[in-house]
């Protein structure tokens, strides 16, 4: 199963995207925890793309299920940015006001995912997030 969603660069789109992901994955009878993780990953990645990447065109999100794996692929034409190399892991032991800004959301994505890969192809950022769809 594979679906493609196009997202405008408006933060208000996030609620609609999360709802759409929920509907698609519920129809596939995936566990609720997997659905929630996918929605959270989508929100974190899309917020970063919208706020920092400034893509000139809509963002593409593909969801693919090939049991037991679920793959989420985000594609945008914004500023080239490899979060795997350019986002430092947050210092979780530091006090909130002493912790460097940024990085916590992508850290969460990496914790929820089984693997994350990045590529810059044909003028586009391609971030692929791999999850197990079945426990």
C-alpha atoms as a PDB file:
ATOM      1  CA  UNK A   1       0.000   0.000   0.000  1.00  0.00           C
ATOM      2  CA  UNK A   2       1.282   3.467  -0.836  1.00  0.00           C
ATOM      3  CA  UNK A   3      -0.188   6.960  -0.464  1.00  0.00           C
ATOM      4  CA  UNK A   4       1.036  10.421  -1.433  1.00  0.00           C
ATOM      5  CA  UNK A   5       0.044  13.599   0.379  1.00  0.00           C
ATOM      6  CA  UNK A   6       0.892  17.134  -0.738  1.00  0.00           C
ATOM      7  CA  UNK A   7       1.273  19.747   1.973  1.00  0.00           C
ATOM      8  CA  UNK A   8       1.235  23.521   1.562  1.00  0.00           C
ATOM      9  CA  UNK A   9       3.803  25.437   3.595  1.00  0.00           C
ATOM     10  CA  UNK A  10       1.214  26.644   6.110  1.00  0.00           C
ATOM     11  CA  UNK A  11       1.502  25.496   9.730  1.00  0.00           C
ATOM     12  CA  UNK A  12      -2.311  25.269   9.782  1.00  0.00           C
ATOM     13  CA  UNK A  13      -2.022  22.287   7.397  1.00  0.00           C
ATOM     14  CA  UNK A  14      -0.426  20.156  10.105  1.00  0.00           C
ATOM     15  CA  UNK A  15      -3.684  19.212  11.831  1.00  0.00           C
ATOM     16  CA  UNK A  16      -5.179  18.112   8.496  1.00  0.00           C
ATOM     17  CA  UNK A  17      -2.090  16.061   7.655  1.00  0.00           C
ATOM     18  CA  UNK A  18      -2.107  14.326  11.038  1.00  0.00           C
ATOM     19  CA  UNK A  19      -5.808  13.519  10.627  1.00  0.00           C
ATOM     20  CA  UNK A  20      -5.239  12.180   7.104  1.00  0.00           C
ATOM     21  CA  UNK A  21      -2.367   9.976   8.278  1.00  0.00           C
ATOM     22  CA  UNK A  22      -4.550   8.674  11.106  1.00  0.00           C
ATOM     23  CA  UNK A  23      -7.378   7.823   8.708  1.00  0.00           C
ATOM     24  CA  UNK A  24      -5.082   6.066   6.226  1.00  0.00           C
ATOM     25  CA  UNK A  25      -3.313   3.975   8.844  1.00  0.00           C
ATOM     26  CA  UNK A  26      -6.471   3.135  10.812  1.00  0.00           C
ATOM     27  CA  UNK A  27      -7.934   1.625   7.634  1.00  0.00           C
ATOM     28  CA  UNK A  28      -4.886  -0.644   7.506  1.00  0.00           C
ATOM     29  CA  UNK A  29      -5.613  -1.760  11.089  1.00  0.00           C
ATOM     30  CA  UNK A  30      -2.204  -0.658  12.369  1.00  0.00           C
ATOM     31  CA  UNK A  31      -1.692  -0.488  16.127  1.00  0.00           C
ATOM     32  CA  UNK A  32      -2.680   2.836  17.680  1.00  0.00           C
ATOM     33  CA  UNK A  33       0.881   3.392  18.972  1.00  0.00           C
ATOM     34  CA  UNK A  34       2.271   3.136  15.429  1.00  0.00           C
ATOM     35  CA  UNK A  35      -0.330   5.614  14.150  1.00  0.00           C
ATOM     36  CA  UNK A  36       0.498   8.082  16.923  1.00  0.00           C
ATOM     37  CA  UNK A  37       4.229   7.756  16.251  1.00  0.00           C
ATOM     38  CA  UNK A  38       3.692   8.421  12.535  1.00  0.00           C
ATOM     39  CA  UNK A  39       1.597  11.482  13.282  1.00  0.00           C
ATOM     40  CA  UNK A  40       4.202  12.837  15.700  1.00  0.00           C
ATOM     41  CA  UNK A  41       7.057  12.181  13.270  1.00  0.00           C
ATOM     42  CA  UNK A  42       5.148  13.921  10.477  1.00  0.00           C
ATOM     43  CA  UNK A  43       4.455  16.936  12.673  1.00  0.00           C
ATOM     44  CA  UNK A  44       8.077  17.299  13.821  1.00  0.00           C
ATOM     45  CA  UNK A  45       9.555  16.920  10.332  1.00  0.00           C
ATOM     46  CA  UNK A  46       7.001  19.182   8.645  1.00  0.00           C
ATOM     47  CA  UNK A  47       7.375  21.949  11.242  1.00  0.00           C
ATOM     48  CA  UNK A  48      11.113  21.969  10.609  1.00  0.00           C
ATOM     49  CA  UNK A  49      10.698  22.014   6.833  1.00  0.00           C
ATOM     50  CA  UNK A  50       8.124  24.822   6.955  1.00  0.00           C
ATOM     51  CA  UNK A  51       9.952  27.002   9.502  1.00  0.00           C
ATOM     52  CA  UNK A  52      13.549  26.499   8.392  1.00  0.00           C
ATOM     53  CA  UNK A  53      13.610  25.118   4.857  1.00  0.00           C
ATOM     54  CA  UNK A  54      11.303  27.651   3.208  1.00  0.00           C
ATOM     55  CA  UNK A  55      10.423  25.377   0.286  1.00  0.00           C
ATOM     56  CA  UNK A  56       9.210  27.245  -2.807  1.00  0.00           C
ATOM     57  CA  UNK A  57       6.612  24.595  -3.594  1.00  0.00           C
ATOM     58  CA  UNK A  58       4.391  22.184  -1.653  1.00  0.00           C
ATOM     59  CA  UNK A  59       6.003  19.435   0.418  1.00  0.00           C
ATOM     60  CA  UNK A  60       5.490  15.821  -0.576  1.00  0.00           C
ATOM     61  CA  UNK A  61       4.872  13.055   1.926  1.00  0.00           C
ATOM     62  CA  UNK A  62       4.654   9.424   0.895  1.00  0.00           C
ATOM     63  CA  UNK A  63       3.542   6.624   3.176  1.00  0.00           C
ATOM     64  CA  UNK A  64       4.278   3.054   2.169  1.00  0.00           C
ATOM     65  CA  UNK A  65       3.409  -0.132   4.005  1.00  0.00           C
ATOM     66  CA  UNK A  66       5.205  -3.344   3.145  1.00  0.00           C
ATOM     67  CA  UNK A  67       4.728  -5.562   6.204  1.00  0.00           C
ATOM     68  CA  UNK A  68       6.240  -5.415   8.637  1.00  0.00           C
ATOM     69  CA  UNK A  69       7.637  -1.997   7.688  1.00  0.00           C
ATOM     70  CA  UNK A  70       6.144   1.435   7.225  1.00  0.00           C
ATOM     71  CA  UNK A  71       8.150   4.067   5.363  1.00  0.00           C
ATOM     72  CA  UNK A  72       7.509   7.807   5.468  1.00  0.00           C
ATOM     73  CA  UNK A  73       9.309   9.882   2.825  1.00  0.00           C
ATOM     74  CA  UNK A  74       9.346  13.683   2.996  1.00  0.00           C
ATOM     75  CA  UNK A  75      10.418  15.596  -0.124  1.00  0.00           C
ATOM     76  CA  UNK A  76      10.911  19.348  -0.311  1.00  0.00           C
ATOM     77  CA  UNK A  77      12.723  21.821  -2.558  1.00  0.00           C
ATOM     78  CA  UNK A  78      13.855  24.034   0.313  1.00  0.00           C
ATOM     79  CA  UNK A  79      17.345  24.879   1.452  1.00  0.00           C
ATOM     80  CA  UNK A  80      19.554  21.759   1.416  1.00  0.00           C
ATOM     81  CA  UNK A  81      19.711  20.464   4.977  1.00  0.00           C
ATOM     82  CA  UNK A  82      20.832  17.092   6.299  1.00  0.00           C
ATOM     83  CA  UNK A  83      19.457  16.810   9.842  1.00  0.00           C
ATOM     84  CA  UNK A  84      21.493  13.649  10.448  1.00  0.00           C
ATOM     85  CA  UNK A  85      24.726  15.613  10.026  1.00  0.00           C
ATOM     86  CA  UNK A  86      23.677  19.142  10.979  1.00  0.00           C
ATOM     87  CA  UNK A  87      21.513  18.679  14.081  1.00  0.00           C
ATOM     88  CA  UNK A  88      23.441  17.997  17.271  1.00  0.00           C
ATOM     89  CA  UNK A  89      21.789  15.682  19.773  1.00  0.00           C
ATOM     90  CA  UNK A  90      20.300  17.681  22.647  1.00  0.00           C
ATOM     91  CA  UNK A  91      21.860  17.597  26.087  1.00  0.00           C
ATOM     92  CA  UNK A  92      19.039  15.896  27.945  1.00  0.00           C
ATOM     93  CA  UNK A  93      20.767  16.390  31.306  1.00  0.00           C
ATOM     94  CA  UNK A  94      20.890  20.195  30.964  1.00  0.00           C
ATOM     95  CA  UNK A  95      18.250  22.440  32.503  1.00  0.00           C
ATOM     96  CA  UNK A  96      15.639  23.664  30.005  1.00  0.00           C
ATOM     97  CA  UNK A  97      16.969  27.238  29.984  1.00  0.00           C
ATOM     98  CA  UNK A  98      20.580  26.023  29.574  1.00  0.00           C
ATOM     99  CA  UNK A  99      19.868  23.567  26.745  1.00  0.00           C
ATOM    100  CA  UNK A 100      20.789  24.744  23.255  1.00  0.00           C
ATOM    101  CA  UNK A 101      17.761  25.640  21.154  1.00  0.00           C
ATOM    102  CA  UNK A 102      16.669  23.137  18.542  1.00  0.00           C
ATOM    103  CA  UNK A 103      17.362  19.479  17.955  1.00  0.00           C
ATOM    104  CA  UNK A 104      14.870  18.030  20.428  1.00  0.00           C
ATOM    105  CA  UNK A 105      12.188  17.382  17.791  1.00  0.00           C
ATOM    106  CA  UNK A 106      14.540  15.600  15.414  1.00  0.00           C
ATOM    107  CA  UNK A 107      15.993  13.645  18.336  1.00  0.00           C
ATOM    108  CA  UNK A 108      12.443  12.471  19.068  1.00  0.00           C
ATOM    109  CA  UNK A 109      11.975  11.440  15.412  1.00  0.00           C
ATOM    110  CA  UNK A 110      15.142   9.352  15.609  1.00  0.00           C
ATOM    111  CA  UNK A 111      14.002   7.746  18.872  1.00  0.00           C
ATOM    112  CA  UNK A 112      10.607   6.769  17.421  1.00  0.00           C
ATOM    113  CA  UNK A 113      12.006   5.461  14.131  1.00  0.00           C
ATOM    114  CA  UNK A 114      13.934   2.280  13.416  1.00  0.00           C
ATOM    115  CA  UNK A 115      16.100   4.181  10.930  1.00  0.00           C
ATOM    116  CA  UNK A 116      16.297   7.598   9.265  1.00  0.00           C
ATOM    117  CA  UNK A 117      18.067   8.365   5.981  1.00  0.00           C
ATOM    118  CA  UNK A 118      18.697  11.635   4.155  1.00  0.00           C
ATOM    119  CA  UNK A 119      19.647  12.391   0.558  1.00  0.00           C
ATOM    120  CA  UNK A 120      19.767  15.519  -1.574  1.00  0.00           C
ATOM    121  CA  UNK A 121      18.624  14.533  -5.074  1.00  0.00           C
ATOM    122  CA  UNK A 122      17.633  16.616  -8.064  1.00  0.00           C
ATOM    123  CA  UNK A 123      17.511  19.817  -6.015  1.00  0.00           C
ATOM    124  CA  UNK A 124      15.334  18.296  -3.298  1.00  0.00           C
ATOM    125  CA  UNK A 125      15.764  17.184   0.297  1.00  0.00           C
ATOM    126  CA  UNK A 126      14.591  13.594   0.721  1.00  0.00           C
ATOM    127  CA  UNK A 127      14.182  12.394   4.309  1.00  0.00           C
ATOM    128  CA  UNK A 128      13.065   8.787   4.736  1.00  0.00           C
ATOM    129  CA  UNK A 129      11.869   7.452   8.076  1.00  0.00           C
ATOM    130  CA  UNK A 130      11.537   3.696   8.588  1.00  0.00           C
ATOM    131  CA  UNK A 131       9.279   2.148  11.265  1.00  0.00           C
ATOM    132  CA  UNK A 132       8.032  -1.303  12.055  1.00  0.00           C
ATOM    133  CA  UNK A 133       4.312  -1.238  11.336  1.00  0.00           C
ATOM    134  CA  UNK A 134       3.565  -4.372  13.299  1.00  0.00           C
ATOM    135  CA  UNK A 135       4.704  -5.176  16.827  1.00  0.00           C
END
